[in-house]
């Protein structure tokens, strides 16, 4: 499977952030999708089955914690990278215990995010 066949879902209530991250991931060859709220994210997970999701924690309606909890049952194999401006002690430990595979803090460093994605979605063997 090549990168362009790999789907990544971007979930964040800041549309401008989603748009710029989508452009970056598209340039890397991924098929990036955007959801600006938790409800839409869950719909896209059911419909598109992305391999990885970047997930903001603070969103109106269904927040990132709730999405993460639902994803554990809906798509347990999906990799989740929490992208957040929230910086509290033990945040990473708490999120990983909830099912996140990595945490990247805002303001986002795109190269850091790329390294995390490469680690979570290694090149297919074949």
PDB file of N, CA and C in Angstrom:
ATOM      1  N   UNK A   1       0.851  -1.175   0.000  1.00  0.00           N
ATOM      2  CA  UNK A   1       0.000   0.000   0.000  1.00  0.00           C
ATOM      3  C   UNK A   1       0.895   1.235   0.000  1.00  0.00           C
ATOM      4  N   UNK A   2       0.682   2.120  -0.950  1.00  0.00           N
ATOM      5  CA  UNK A   2       1.482   3.339  -1.011  1.00  0.00           C
ATOM      6  C   UNK A   2       0.856   4.404  -0.115  1.00  0.00           C
ATOM      7  N   UNK A   3       1.623   5.467   0.126  1.00  0.00           N
ATOM      8  CA  UNK A   3       1.133   6.537   1.000  1.00  0.00           C
ATOM      9  C   UNK A   3      -0.175   7.110   0.477  1.00  0.00           C
ATOM     10  N   UNK A   4      -0.326   7.224  -0.861  1.00  0.00           N
ATOM     11  CA  UNK A   4      -1.535   7.844  -1.393  1.00  0.00           C
ATOM     12  C   UNK A   4      -2.785   6.986  -1.208  1.00  0.00           C
ATOM     13  N   UNK A   5      -2.610   5.732  -0.804  1.00  0.00           N
ATOM     14  CA  UNK A   5      -3.757   4.886  -0.498  1.00  0.00           C
ATOM     15  C   UNK A   5      -4.089   4.921   0.987  1.00  0.00           C
ATOM     16  N   UNK A   6      -3.245   5.574   1.761  1.00  0.00           N
ATOM     17  CA  UNK A   6      -3.422   5.612   3.201  1.00  0.00           C
ATOM     18  C   UNK A   6      -4.222   6.851   3.594  1.00  0.00           C
ATOM     19  N   UNK A   7      -5.278   6.609   4.345  1.00  0.00           N
ATOM     20  CA  UNK A   7      -6.186   7.682   4.727  1.00  0.00           C
ATOM     21  C   UNK A   7      -5.861   8.185   6.129  1.00  0.00           C
ATOM     22  N   UNK A   8      -5.793   9.507   6.231  1.00  0.00           N
ATOM     23  CA  UNK A   8      -5.591  10.162   7.522  1.00  0.00           C
ATOM     24  C   UNK A   8      -6.738  11.135   7.740  1.00  0.00           C
ATOM     25  N   UNK A   9      -7.353  11.034   8.905  1.00  0.00           N
ATOM     26  CA  UNK A   9      -8.452  11.926   9.277  1.00  0.00           C
ATOM     27  C   UNK A   9      -7.928  12.993  10.220  1.00  0.00           C
ATOM     28  N   UNK A  10      -8.171  14.247   9.882  1.00  0.00           N
ATOM     29  CA  UNK A  10      -7.789  15.400  10.709  1.00  0.00           C
ATOM     30  C   UNK A  10      -9.047  15.876  11.414  1.00  0.00           C
ATOM     31  N   UNK A  11      -9.020  15.901  12.753  1.00  0.00           N
ATOM     32  CA  UNK A  11     -10.185  16.326  13.519  1.00  0.00           C
ATOM     33  C   UNK A  11      -9.788  17.496  14.405  1.00  0.00           C
ATOM     34  N   UNK A  12     -10.332  18.671  14.092  1.00  0.00           N
ATOM     35  CA  UNK A  12     -10.033  19.881  14.844  1.00  0.00           C
ATOM     36  C   UNK A  12     -11.111  20.907  14.510  1.00  0.00           C
ATOM     37  N   UNK A  13     -11.548  21.652  15.518  1.00  0.00           N
ATOM     38  CA  UNK A  13     -12.603  22.637  15.260  1.00  0.00           C
ATOM     39  C   UNK A  13     -12.083  23.921  14.620  1.00  0.00           C
ATOM     40  N   UNK A  14     -10.774  24.063  14.458  1.00  0.00           N
ATOM     41  CA  UNK A  14     -10.193  25.231  13.782  1.00  0.00           C
ATOM     42  C   UNK A  14     -10.006  24.894  12.302  1.00  0.00           C
ATOM     43  N   UNK A  15     -10.891  25.419  11.466  1.00  0.00           N
ATOM     44  CA  UNK A  15     -10.887  25.070  10.046  1.00  0.00           C
ATOM     45  C   UNK A  15      -9.570  25.433   9.366  1.00  0.00           C
ATOM     46  N   UNK A  16      -9.002  26.592   9.673  1.00  0.00           N
ATOM     47  CA  UNK A  16      -7.753  27.010   9.033  1.00  0.00           C
ATOM     48  C   UNK A  16      -6.625  26.023   9.352  1.00  0.00           C
ATOM     49  N   UNK A  17      -6.588  25.532  10.586  1.00  0.00           N
ATOM     50  CA  UNK A  17      -5.592  24.542  10.972  1.00  0.00           C
ATOM     51  C   UNK A  17      -5.794  23.261  10.167  1.00  0.00           C
ATOM     52  N   UNK A  18      -7.034  22.811  10.074  1.00  0.00           N
ATOM     53  CA  UNK A  18      -7.350  21.598   9.310  1.00  0.00           C
ATOM     54  C   UNK A  18      -6.923  21.738   7.854  1.00  0.00           C
ATOM     55  N   UNK A  19      -7.237  22.888   7.279  1.00  0.00           N
ATOM     56  CA  UNK A  19      -6.937  23.115   5.866  1.00  0.00           C
ATOM     57  C   UNK A  19      -5.433  23.062   5.613  1.00  0.00           C
ATOM     58  N   UNK A  20      -4.635  23.724   6.457  1.00  0.00           N
ATOM     59  CA  UNK A  20      -3.189  23.732   6.236  1.00  0.00           C
ATOM     60  C   UNK A  20      -2.583  22.349   6.494  1.00  0.00           C
ATOM     61  N   UNK A  21      -3.079  21.639   7.505  1.00  0.00           N
ATOM     62  CA  UNK A  21      -2.570  20.298   7.775  1.00  0.00           C
ATOM     63  C   UNK A  21      -2.954  19.338   6.650  1.00  0.00           C
ATOM     64  N   UNK A  22      -4.147  19.486   6.113  1.00  0.00           N
ATOM     65  CA  UNK A  22      -4.574  18.656   4.978  1.00  0.00           C
ATOM     66  C   UNK A  22      -3.658  18.883   3.779  1.00  0.00           C
ATOM     67  N   UNK A  23      -3.343  20.140   3.491  1.00  0.00           N
ATOM     68  CA  UNK A  23      -2.451  20.438   2.364  1.00  0.00           C
ATOM     69  C   UNK A  23      -1.082  19.778   2.564  1.00  0.00           C
ATOM     70  N   UNK A  24      -0.573  19.849   3.786  1.00  0.00           N
ATOM     71  CA  UNK A  24       0.723  19.247   4.094  1.00  0.00           C
ATOM     72  C   UNK A  24       0.675  17.727   3.902  1.00  0.00           C
ATOM     73  N   UNK A  25      -0.338  17.078   4.459  1.00  0.00           N
ATOM     74  CA  UNK A  25      -0.446  15.623   4.343  1.00  0.00           C
ATOM     75  C   UNK A  25      -0.704  15.189   2.904  1.00  0.00           C
ATOM     76  N   UNK A  26      -1.492  15.973   2.169  1.00  0.00           N
ATOM     77  CA  UNK A  26      -1.715  15.677   0.749  1.00  0.00           C
ATOM     78  C   UNK A  26      -0.391  15.724  -0.016  1.00  0.00           C
ATOM     79  N   UNK A  27       0.460  16.720   0.290  1.00  0.00           N
ATOM     80  CA  UNK A  27       1.769  16.824  -0.379  1.00  0.00           C
ATOM     81  C   UNK A  27       2.652  15.627  -0.055  1.00  0.00           C
ATOM     82  N   UNK A  28       2.495  15.067   1.132  1.00  0.00           N
ATOM     83  CA  UNK A  28       3.262  13.876   1.507  1.00  0.00           C
ATOM     84  C   UNK A  28       2.730  12.620   0.814  1.00  0.00           C
ATOM     85  N   UNK A  29       1.561  12.743   0.195  1.00  0.00           N
ATOM     86  CA  UNK A  29       1.003  11.627  -0.553  1.00  0.00           C
ATOM     87  C   UNK A  29      -0.118  10.880   0.137  1.00  0.00           C
ATOM     88  N   UNK A  30      -0.554  11.378   1.282  1.00  0.00           N
ATOM     89  CA  UNK A  30      -1.662  10.728   1.979  1.00  0.00           C
ATOM     90  C   UNK A  30      -2.989  11.242   1.453  1.00  0.00           C
ATOM     91  N   UNK A  31      -4.039  10.473   1.688  1.00  0.00           N
ATOM     92  CA  UNK A  31      -5.393  10.917   1.381  1.00  0.00           C
ATOM     93  C   UNK A  31      -5.955  11.484   2.686  1.00  0.00           C
ATOM     94  N   UNK A  32      -5.862  12.807   2.840  1.00  0.00           N
ATOM     95  CA  UNK A  32      -6.275  13.459   4.082  1.00  0.00           C
ATOM     96  C   UNK A  32      -7.723  13.912   3.989  1.00  0.00           C
ATOM     97  N   UNK A  33      -8.444  13.697   5.087  1.00  0.00           N
ATOM     98  CA  UNK A  33      -9.842  14.106   5.209  1.00  0.00           C
ATOM     99  C   UNK A  33      -9.950  15.007   6.430  1.00  0.00           C
ATOM    100  N   UNK A  34     -10.977  15.855   6.450  1.00  0.00           N
ATOM    101  CA  UNK A  34     -11.149  16.804   7.543  1.00  0.00           C
ATOM    102  C   UNK A  34     -12.529  16.670   8.168  1.00  0.00           C
ATOM    103  N   UNK A  35     -12.534  16.708   9.504  1.00  0.00           N
ATOM    104  CA  UNK A  35     -13.784  16.811  10.267  1.00  0.00           C
ATOM    105  C   UNK A  35     -13.570  17.918  11.288  1.00  0.00           C
ATOM    106  N   UNK A  36     -14.497  18.867  11.339  1.00  0.00           N
ATOM    107  CA  UNK A  36     -14.348  19.987  12.267  1.00  0.00           C
ATOM    108  C   UNK A  36     -15.156  19.809  13.547  1.00  0.00           C
ATOM    109  N   UNK A  37     -15.698  18.597  13.740  1.00  0.00           N
ATOM    110  CA  UNK A  37     -16.366  18.287  15.009  1.00  0.00           C
ATOM    111  C   UNK A  37     -16.374  16.770  15.207  1.00  0.00           C
ATOM    112  N   UNK A  38     -16.650  16.368  16.434  1.00  0.00           N
ATOM    113  CA  UNK A  38     -16.604  14.957  16.783  1.00  0.00           C
ATOM    114  C   UNK A  38     -17.622  14.102  16.060  1.00  0.00           C
ATOM    115  N   UNK A  39     -18.815  14.635  15.877  1.00  0.00           N
ATOM    116  CA  UNK A  39     -19.864  13.876  15.193  1.00  0.00           C
ATOM    117  C   UNK A  39     -19.450  13.533  13.767  1.00  0.00           C
ATOM    118  N   UNK A  40     -18.938  14.526  13.050  1.00  0.00           N
ATOM    119  CA  UNK A  40     -18.506  14.312  11.667  1.00  0.00           C
ATOM    120  C   UNK A  40     -17.330  13.337  11.633  1.00  0.00           C
ATOM    121  N   UNK A  41     -16.427  13.441  12.603  1.00  0.00           N
ATOM    122  CA  UNK A  41     -15.286  12.528  12.674  1.00  0.00           C
ATOM    123  C   UNK A  41     -15.757  11.080  12.782  1.00  0.00           C
ATOM    124  N   UNK A  42     -16.707  10.830  13.656  1.00  0.00           N
ATOM    125  CA  UNK A  42     -17.207   9.465  13.840  1.00  0.00           C
ATOM    126  C   UNK A  42     -17.875   8.944  12.569  1.00  0.00           C
ATOM    127  N   UNK A  43     -18.600   9.828  11.873  1.00  0.00           N
ATOM    128  CA  UNK A  43     -19.213   9.433  10.597  1.00  0.00           C
ATOM    129  C   UNK A  43     -18.141   9.036   9.583  1.00  0.00           C
ATOM    130  N   UNK A  44     -17.079   9.861   9.477  1.00  0.00           N
ATOM    131  CA  UNK A  44     -16.017   9.561   8.511  1.00  0.00           C
ATOM    132  C   UNK A  44     -15.263   8.282   8.877  1.00  0.00           C
ATOM    133  N   UNK A  45     -15.101   8.024  10.153  1.00  0.00           N
ATOM    134  CA  UNK A  45     -14.445   6.782  10.570  1.00  0.00           C
ATOM    135  C   UNK A  45     -15.259   5.578  10.105  1.00  0.00           C
ATOM    136  N   UNK A  46     -16.572   5.664  10.259  1.00  0.00           N
ATOM    137  CA  UNK A  46     -17.442   4.568   9.817  1.00  0.00           C
ATOM    138  C   UNK A  46     -17.429   4.406   8.296  1.00  0.00           C
ATOM    139  N   UNK A  47     -17.437   5.538   7.578  1.00  0.00           N
ATOM    140  CA  UNK A  47     -17.561   5.507   6.119  1.00  0.00           C
ATOM    141  C   UNK A  47     -16.234   5.259   5.401  1.00  0.00           C
ATOM    142  N   UNK A  48     -15.150   5.845   5.897  1.00  0.00           N
ATOM    143  CA  UNK A  48     -13.885   5.852   5.161  1.00  0.00           C
ATOM    144  C   UNK A  48     -12.797   4.952   5.752  1.00  0.00           C
ATOM    145  N   UNK A  49     -12.937   4.538   6.990  1.00  0.00           N
ATOM    146  CA  UNK A  49     -11.969   3.670   7.677  1.00  0.00           C
ATOM    147  C   UNK A  49     -10.525   4.172   7.558  1.00  0.00           C
ATOM    148  N   UNK A  50     -10.259   5.388   8.037  1.00  0.00           N
ATOM    149  CA  UNK A  50      -8.875   5.879   7.981  1.00  0.00           C
ATOM    150  C   UNK A  50      -7.956   5.032   8.858  1.00  0.00           C
ATOM    151  N   UNK A  51      -6.680   5.011   8.513  1.00  0.00           N
ATOM    152  CA  UNK A  51      -5.702   4.262   9.299  1.00  0.00           C
ATOM    153  C   UNK A  51      -5.208   5.064  10.492  1.00  0.00           C
ATOM    154  N   UNK A  52      -5.246   6.385  10.349  1.00  0.00           N
ATOM    155  CA  UNK A  52      -4.721   7.252  11.396  1.00  0.00           C
ATOM    156  C   UNK A  52      -5.594   8.486  11.505  1.00  0.00           C
ATOM    157  N   UNK A  53      -5.698   9.005  12.723  1.00  0.00           N
ATOM    158  CA  UNK A  53      -6.462  10.223  12.964  1.00  0.00           C
ATOM    159  C   UNK A  53      -5.622  11.159  13.817  1.00  0.00           C
ATOM    160  N   UNK A  54      -5.586  12.447  13.417  1.00  0.00           N
ATOM    161  CA  UNK A  54      -5.062  13.473  14.309  1.00  0.00           C
ATOM    162  C   UNK A  54      -6.285  14.063  14.994  1.00  0.00           C
ATOM    163  N   UNK A  55      -6.217  14.227  16.306  1.00  0.00           N
ATOM    164  CA  UNK A  55      -7.411  14.561  17.081  1.00  0.00           C
ATOM    165  C   UNK A  55      -7.146  15.670  18.073  1.00  0.00           C
ATOM    166  N   UNK A  56      -7.906  16.746  17.958  1.00  0.00           N
ATOM    167  CA  UNK A  56      -7.872  17.819  18.944  1.00  0.00           C
ATOM    168  C   UNK A  56      -8.709  17.380  20.142  1.00  0.00           C
ATOM    169  N   UNK A  57      -8.360  17.849  21.324  1.00  0.00           N
ATOM    170  CA  UNK A  57      -9.086  17.477  22.539  1.00  0.00           C
ATOM    171  C   UNK A  57     -10.251  18.431  22.812  1.00  0.00           C
ATOM    172  N   UNK A  58      -9.981  19.721  22.747  1.00  0.00           N
ATOM    173  CA  UNK A  58     -11.021  20.707  23.062  1.00  0.00           C
ATOM    174  C   UNK A  58     -11.803  21.087  21.814  1.00  0.00           C
ATOM    175  N   UNK A  59     -13.019  20.563  21.754  1.00  0.00           N
ATOM    176  CA  UNK A  59     -13.929  20.879  20.654  1.00  0.00           C
ATOM    177  C   UNK A  59     -15.330  20.975  21.225  1.00  0.00           C
ATOM    178  N   UNK A  60     -16.179  21.801  20.623  1.00  0.00           N
ATOM    179  CA  UNK A  60     -17.566  21.860  21.084  1.00  0.00           C
ATOM    180  C   UNK A  60     -18.298  20.569  20.724  1.00  0.00           C
ATOM    181  N   UNK A  61     -19.362  20.284  21.448  1.00  0.00           N
ATOM    182  CA  UNK A  61     -20.117  19.052  21.188  1.00  0.00           C
ATOM    183  C   UNK A  61     -19.350  17.866  21.728  1.00  0.00           C
ATOM    184  N   UNK A  62     -19.180  16.857  20.895  1.00  0.00           N
ATOM    185  CA  UNK A  62     -18.402  15.688  21.293  1.00  0.00           C
ATOM    186  C   UNK A  62     -16.927  16.090  21.286  1.00  0.00           C
ATOM    187  N   UNK A  63     -16.302  16.116  22.467  1.00  0.00           N
ATOM    188  CA  UNK A  63     -14.900  16.539  22.527  1.00  0.00           C
ATOM    189  C   UNK A  63     -13.967  15.382  22.176  1.00  0.00           C
ATOM    190  N   UNK A  64     -12.675  15.680  22.136  1.00  0.00           N
ATOM    191  CA  UNK A  64     -11.690  14.694  21.735  1.00  0.00           C
ATOM    192  C   UNK A  64     -11.636  13.471  22.626  1.00  0.00           C
ATOM    193  N   UNK A  65     -11.823  13.656  23.934  1.00  0.00           N
ATOM    194  CA  UNK A  65     -11.825  12.510  24.845  1.00  0.00           C
ATOM    195  C   UNK A  65     -12.964  11.549  24.499  1.00  0.00           C
ATOM    196  N   UNK A  66     -14.132  12.109  24.211  1.00  0.00           N
ATOM    197  CA  UNK A  66     -15.283  11.272  23.858  1.00  0.00           C
ATOM    198  C   UNK A  66     -15.055  10.557  22.527  1.00  0.00           C
ATOM    199  N   UNK A  67     -14.479  11.274  21.555  1.00  0.00           N
ATOM    200  CA  UNK A  67     -14.173  10.648  20.265  1.00  0.00           C
ATOM    201  C   UNK A  67     -13.187   9.504  20.482  1.00  0.00           C
ATOM    202  N   UNK A  68     -12.153   9.746  21.267  1.00  0.00           N
ATOM    203  CA  UNK A  68     -11.147   8.723  21.547  1.00  0.00           C
ATOM    204  C   UNK A  68     -11.778   7.491  22.183  1.00  0.00           C
ATOM    205  N   UNK A  69     -12.661   7.703  23.118  1.00  0.00           N
ATOM    206  CA  UNK A  69     -13.351   6.588  23.775  1.00  0.00           C
ATOM    207  C   UNK A  69     -14.188   5.788  22.778  1.00  0.00           C
ATOM    208  N   UNK A  70     -14.909   6.480  21.896  1.00  0.00           N
ATOM    209  CA  UNK A  70     -15.749   5.798  20.910  1.00  0.00           C
ATOM    210  C   UNK A  70     -14.901   5.057  19.872  1.00  0.00           C
ATOM    211  N   UNK A  71     -13.758   5.633  19.509  1.00  0.00           N
ATOM    212  CA  UNK A  71     -12.881   5.017  18.512  1.00  0.00           C
ATOM    213  C   UNK A  71     -12.319   3.691  19.030  1.00  0.00           C
ATOM    214  N   UNK A  72     -12.077   3.596  20.321  1.00  0.00           N
ATOM    215  CA  UNK A  72     -11.548   2.354  20.897  1.00  0.00           C
ATOM    216  C   UNK A  72     -12.465   1.182  20.597  1.00  0.00           C
ATOM    217  N   UNK A  73     -13.777   1.449  20.459  1.00  0.00           N
ATOM    218  CA  UNK A  73     -14.742   0.384  20.171  1.00  0.00           C
ATOM    219  C   UNK A  73     -15.092   0.324  18.683  1.00  0.00           C
ATOM    220  N   UNK A  74     -15.137   1.472  18.038  1.00  0.00           N
ATOM    221  CA  UNK A  74     -15.551   1.564  16.639  1.00  0.00           C
ATOM    222  C   UNK A  74     -14.451   1.103  15.680  1.00  0.00           C
ATOM    223  N   UNK A  75     -13.201   1.507  15.955  1.00  0.00           N
ATOM    224  CA  UNK A  75     -12.076   1.186  15.071  1.00  0.00           C
ATOM    225  C   UNK A  75     -10.812   1.005  15.911  1.00  0.00           C
ATOM    226  N   UNK A  76     -10.740  -0.077  16.681  1.00  0.00           N
ATOM    227  CA  UNK A  76      -9.628  -0.250  17.621  1.00  0.00           C
ATOM    228  C   UNK A  76      -8.250  -0.316  16.968  1.00  0.00           C
ATOM    229  N   UNK A  77      -8.187  -0.650  15.684  1.00  0.00           N
ATOM    230  CA  UNK A  77      -6.905  -0.737  14.993  1.00  0.00           C
ATOM    231  C   UNK A  77      -6.385   0.615  14.509  1.00  0.00           C
ATOM    232  N   UNK A  78      -7.233   1.633  14.493  1.00  0.00           N
ATOM    233  CA  UNK A  78      -6.836   2.953  14.002  1.00  0.00           C
ATOM    234  C   UNK A  78      -5.842   3.600  14.954  1.00  0.00           C
ATOM    235  N   UNK A  79      -4.805   4.198  14.399  1.00  0.00           N
ATOM    236  CA  UNK A  79      -3.811   4.936  15.168  1.00  0.00           C
ATOM    237  C   UNK A  79      -4.335   6.347  15.424  1.00  0.00           C
ATOM    238  N   UNK A  80      -4.096   6.849  16.648  1.00  0.00           N
ATOM    239  CA  UNK A  80      -4.600   8.176  17.024  1.00  0.00           C
ATOM    240  C   UNK A  80      -3.441   9.025  17.534  1.00  0.00           C
ATOM    241  N   UNK A  81      -3.262  10.189  16.908  1.00  0.00           N
ATOM    242  CA  UNK A  81      -2.288  11.175  17.349  1.00  0.00           C
ATOM    243  C   UNK A  81      -3.073  12.366  17.869  1.00  0.00           C
ATOM    244  N   UNK A  82      -2.981  12.614  19.160  1.00  0.00           N
ATOM    245  CA  UNK A  82      -3.644  13.777  19.733  1.00  0.00           C
ATOM    246  C   UNK A  82      -2.792  15.002  19.443  1.00  0.00           C
ATOM    247  N   UNK A  83      -3.411  16.024  18.860  1.00  0.00           N
ATOM    248  CA  UNK A  83      -2.748  17.287  18.555  1.00  0.00           C
ATOM    249  C   UNK A  83      -3.462  18.336  19.391  1.00  0.00           C
ATOM    250  N   UNK A  84      -2.765  18.882  20.396  1.00  0.00           N
ATOM    251  CA  UNK A  84      -3.451  19.731  21.362  1.00  0.00           C
ATOM    252  C   UNK A  84      -2.589  20.876  21.866  1.00  0.00           C
ATOM    253  N   UNK A  85      -3.253  21.944  22.259  1.00  0.00           N
ATOM    254  CA  UNK A  85      -2.583  23.067  22.911  1.00  0.00           C
ATOM    255  C   UNK A  85      -2.665  22.913  24.426  1.00  0.00           C
ATOM    256  N   UNK A  86      -3.431  21.933  24.892  1.00  0.00           N
ATOM    257  CA  UNK A  86      -3.585  21.674  26.321  1.00  0.00           C
ATOM    258  C   UNK A  86      -2.267  21.097  26.835  1.00  0.00           C
ATOM    259  N   UNK A  87      -1.717  21.719  27.848  1.00  0.00           N
ATOM    260  CA  UNK A  87      -0.453  21.252  28.397  1.00  0.00           C
ATOM    261  C   UNK A  87      -0.584  21.151  29.911  1.00  0.00           C
ATOM    262  N   UNK A  88      -0.994  19.992  30.356  1.00  0.00           N
ATOM    263  CA  UNK A  88      -1.138  19.753  31.793  1.00  0.00           C
ATOM    264  C   UNK A  88      -0.216  18.602  32.180  1.00  0.00           C
ATOM    265  N   UNK A  89       0.198  18.553  33.439  1.00  0.00           N
ATOM    266  CA  UNK A  89       1.061  17.450  33.861  1.00  0.00           C
ATOM    267  C   UNK A  89       0.404  16.103  33.572  1.00  0.00           C
ATOM    268  N   UNK A  90       1.207  15.183  33.111  1.00  0.00           N
ATOM    269  CA  UNK A  90       0.784  13.808  32.822  1.00  0.00           C
ATOM    270  C   UNK A  90      -0.219  13.696  31.668  1.00  0.00           C
ATOM    271  N   UNK A  91      -0.344  14.735  30.845  1.00  0.00           N
ATOM    272  CA  UNK A  91      -1.283  14.712  29.712  1.00  0.00           C
ATOM    273  C   UNK A  91      -1.011  13.517  28.797  1.00  0.00           C
ATOM    274  N   UNK A  92       0.252  13.323  28.413  1.00  0.00           N
ATOM    275  CA  UNK A  92       0.569  12.244  27.483  1.00  0.00           C
ATOM    276  C   UNK A  92       0.238  10.880  28.087  1.00  0.00           C
ATOM    277  N   UNK A  93       0.587  10.690  29.343  1.00  0.00           N
ATOM    278  CA  UNK A  93       0.294   9.422  30.010  1.00  0.00           C
ATOM    279  C   UNK A  93      -1.215   9.169  30.057  1.00  0.00           C
ATOM    280  N   UNK A  94      -1.966  10.209  30.392  1.00  0.00           N
ATOM    281  CA  UNK A  94      -3.416  10.087  30.483  1.00  0.00           C
ATOM    282  C   UNK A  94      -4.022   9.743  29.114  1.00  0.00           C
ATOM    283  N   UNK A  95      -3.561  10.435  28.073  1.00  0.00           N
ATOM    284  CA  UNK A  95      -4.115  10.193  26.738  1.00  0.00           C
ATOM    285  C   UNK A  95      -3.726   8.816  26.221  1.00  0.00           C
ATOM    286  N   UNK A  96      -2.500   8.405  26.456  1.00  0.00           N
ATOM    287  CA  UNK A  96      -2.083   7.085  25.998  1.00  0.00           C
ATOM    288  C   UNK A  96      -2.878   6.001  26.722  1.00  0.00           C
ATOM    289  N   UNK A  97      -3.184   6.220  27.979  1.00  0.00           N
ATOM    290  CA  UNK A  97      -4.008   5.270  28.725  1.00  0.00           C
ATOM    291  C   UNK A  97      -5.414   5.204  28.125  1.00  0.00           C
ATOM    292  N   UNK A  98      -5.854   6.308  27.530  1.00  0.00           N
ATOM    293  CA  UNK A  98      -7.181   6.374  26.908  1.00  0.00           C
ATOM    294  C   UNK A  98      -7.199   5.791  25.496  1.00  0.00           C
ATOM    295  N   UNK A  99      -6.041   5.453  24.959  1.00  0.00           N
ATOM    296  CA  UNK A  99      -6.004   4.853  23.630  1.00  0.00           C
ATOM    297  C   UNK A  99      -5.250   5.641  22.584  1.00  0.00           C
ATOM    298  N   UNK A 100      -4.724   6.816  22.926  1.00  0.00           N
ATOM    299  CA  UNK A 100      -3.929   7.580  21.961  1.00  0.00           C
ATOM    300  C   UNK A 100      -2.570   6.911  21.798  1.00  0.00           C
ATOM    301  N   UNK A 101      -2.017   6.997  20.619  1.00  0.00           N
ATOM    302  CA  UNK A 101      -0.714   6.398  20.336  1.00  0.00           C
ATOM    303  C   UNK A 101       0.418   7.407  20.452  1.00  0.00           C
ATOM    304  N   UNK A 102       0.088   8.698  20.361  1.00  0.00           N
ATOM    305  CA  UNK A 102       1.097   9.754  20.460  1.00  0.00           C
ATOM    306  C   UNK A 102       0.395  11.076  20.730  1.00  0.00           C
ATOM    307  N   UNK A 103       1.173  12.030  21.247  1.00  0.00           N
ATOM    308  CA  UNK A 103       0.675  13.382  21.493  1.00  0.00           C
ATOM    309  C   UNK A 103       1.653  14.358  20.861  1.00  0.00           C
ATOM    310  N   UNK A 104       1.126  15.299  20.071  1.00  0.00           N
ATOM    311  CA  UNK A 104       1.925  16.370  19.480  1.00  0.00           C
ATOM    312  C   UNK A 104       1.296  17.674  19.944  1.00  0.00           C
ATOM    313  N   UNK A 105       2.122  18.553  20.499  1.00  0.00           N
ATOM    314  CA  UNK A 105       1.602  19.796  21.057  1.00  0.00           C
ATOM    315  C   UNK A 105       1.567  20.920  20.024  1.00  0.00           C
ATOM    316  N   UNK A 106       0.546  21.769  20.148  1.00  0.00           N
ATOM    317  CA  UNK A 106       0.443  22.989  19.338  1.00  0.00           C
ATOM    318  C   UNK A 106       1.242  24.081  20.035  1.00  0.00           C
ATOM    319  N   UNK A 107       1.838  25.021  19.332  1.00  0.00           N
ATOM    320  CA  UNK A 107       1.846  25.094  17.867  1.00  0.00           C
ATOM    321  C   UNK A 107       2.606  23.906  17.289  1.00  0.00           C
ATOM    322  N   UNK A 108       2.032  23.358  16.259  1.00  0.00           N
ATOM    323  CA  UNK A 108       2.515  22.094  15.715  1.00  0.00           C
ATOM    324  C   UNK A 108       3.805  22.267  14.923  1.00  0.00           C
ATOM    325  N   UNK A 109       4.711  21.330  15.103  1.00  0.00           N
ATOM    326  CA  UNK A 109       5.931  21.229  14.310  1.00  0.00           C
ATOM    327  C   UNK A 109       5.663  20.148  13.274  1.00  0.00           C
ATOM    328  N   UNK A 110       5.556  20.532  12.013  1.00  0.00           N
ATOM    329  CA  UNK A 110       5.162  19.587  10.967  1.00  0.00           C
ATOM    330  C   UNK A 110       6.142  18.434  10.809  1.00  0.00           C
ATOM    331  N   UNK A 111       7.428  18.698  10.985  1.00  0.00           N
ATOM    332  CA  UNK A 111       8.410  17.615  10.882  1.00  0.00           C
ATOM    333  C   UNK A 111       8.242  16.615  12.026  1.00  0.00           C
ATOM    334  N   UNK A 112       7.937  17.120  13.223  1.00  0.00           N
ATOM    335  CA  UNK A 112       7.676  16.224  14.343  1.00  0.00           C
ATOM    336  C   UNK A 112       6.465  15.348  14.042  1.00  0.00           C
ATOM    337  N   UNK A 113       5.401  15.967  13.522  1.00  0.00           N
ATOM    338  CA  UNK A 113       4.198  15.202  13.185  1.00  0.00           C
ATOM    339  C   UNK A 113       4.512  14.163  12.109  1.00  0.00           C
ATOM    340  N   UNK A 114       5.309  14.546  11.130  1.00  0.00           N
ATOM    341  CA  UNK A 114       5.670  13.597  10.069  1.00  0.00           C
ATOM    342  C   UNK A 114       6.423  12.399  10.649  1.00  0.00           C
ATOM    343  N   UNK A 115       7.347  12.633  11.568  1.00  0.00           N
ATOM    344  CA  UNK A 115       8.085  11.532  12.192  1.00  0.00           C
ATOM    345  C   UNK A 115       7.141  10.606  12.961  1.00  0.00           C
ATOM    346  N   UNK A 116       6.173  11.198  13.661  1.00  0.00           N
ATOM    347  CA  UNK A 116       5.203  10.394  14.412  1.00  0.00           C
ATOM    348  C   UNK A 116       4.370   9.547  13.457  1.00  0.00           C
ATOM    349  N   UNK A 117       3.900  10.146  12.381  1.00  0.00           N
ATOM    350  CA  UNK A 117       3.100   9.408  11.396  1.00  0.00           C
ATOM    351  C   UNK A 117       3.921   8.292  10.770  1.00  0.00           C
ATOM    352  N   UNK A 118       5.172   8.586  10.404  1.00  0.00           N
ATOM    353  CA  UNK A 118       6.027   7.555   9.812  1.00  0.00           C
ATOM    354  C   UNK A 118       6.239   6.382  10.768  1.00  0.00           C
ATOM    355  N   UNK A 119       6.317   6.691  12.057  1.00  0.00           N
ATOM    356  CA  UNK A 119       6.505   5.643  13.063  1.00  0.00           C
ATOM    357  C   UNK A 119       5.224   4.795  13.202  1.00  0.00           C
ATOM    358  N   UNK A 120       4.070   5.454  13.176  1.00  0.00           N
ATOM    359  CA  UNK A 120       2.805   4.758  13.357  1.00  0.00           C
ATOM    360  C   UNK A 120       2.287   4.061  12.112  1.00  0.00           C
ATOM    361  N   UNK A 121       2.674   4.577  10.947  1.00  0.00           N
ATOM    362  CA  UNK A 121       2.268   3.975   9.674  1.00  0.00           C
ATOM    363  C   UNK A 121       3.515   3.602   8.878  1.00  0.00           C
ATOM    364  N   UNK A 122       4.252   2.597   9.324  1.00  0.00           N
ATOM    365  CA  UNK A 122       5.471   2.226   8.611  1.00  0.00           C
ATOM    366  C   UNK A 122       5.183   1.794   7.190  1.00  0.00           C
ATOM    367  N   UNK A 123       6.192   1.946   6.347  1.00  0.00           N
ATOM    368  CA  UNK A 123       6.049   1.538   4.947  1.00  0.00           C
ATOM    369  C   UNK A 123       5.701   0.054   4.896  1.00  0.00           C
ATOM    370  N   UNK A 124       4.772  -0.315   4.038  1.00  0.00           N
ATOM    371  CA  UNK A 124       4.374  -1.717   3.940  1.00  0.00           C
ATOM    372  C   UNK A 124       5.548  -2.589   3.459  1.00  0.00           C
ATOM    373  N   UNK A 125       5.596  -3.780   3.979  1.00  0.00           N
ATOM    374  CA  UNK A 125       6.621  -4.746   3.537  1.00  0.00           C
ATOM    375  C   UNK A 125       6.109  -5.438   2.290  1.00  0.00           C
ATOM    376  N   UNK A 126       6.977  -5.650   1.355  1.00  0.00           N
ATOM    377  CA  UNK A 126       6.497  -6.340   0.184  1.00  0.00           C
ATOM    378  C   UNK A 126       7.386  -6.095  -0.939  1.00  0.00           C
TER     379      UNK A 126
END
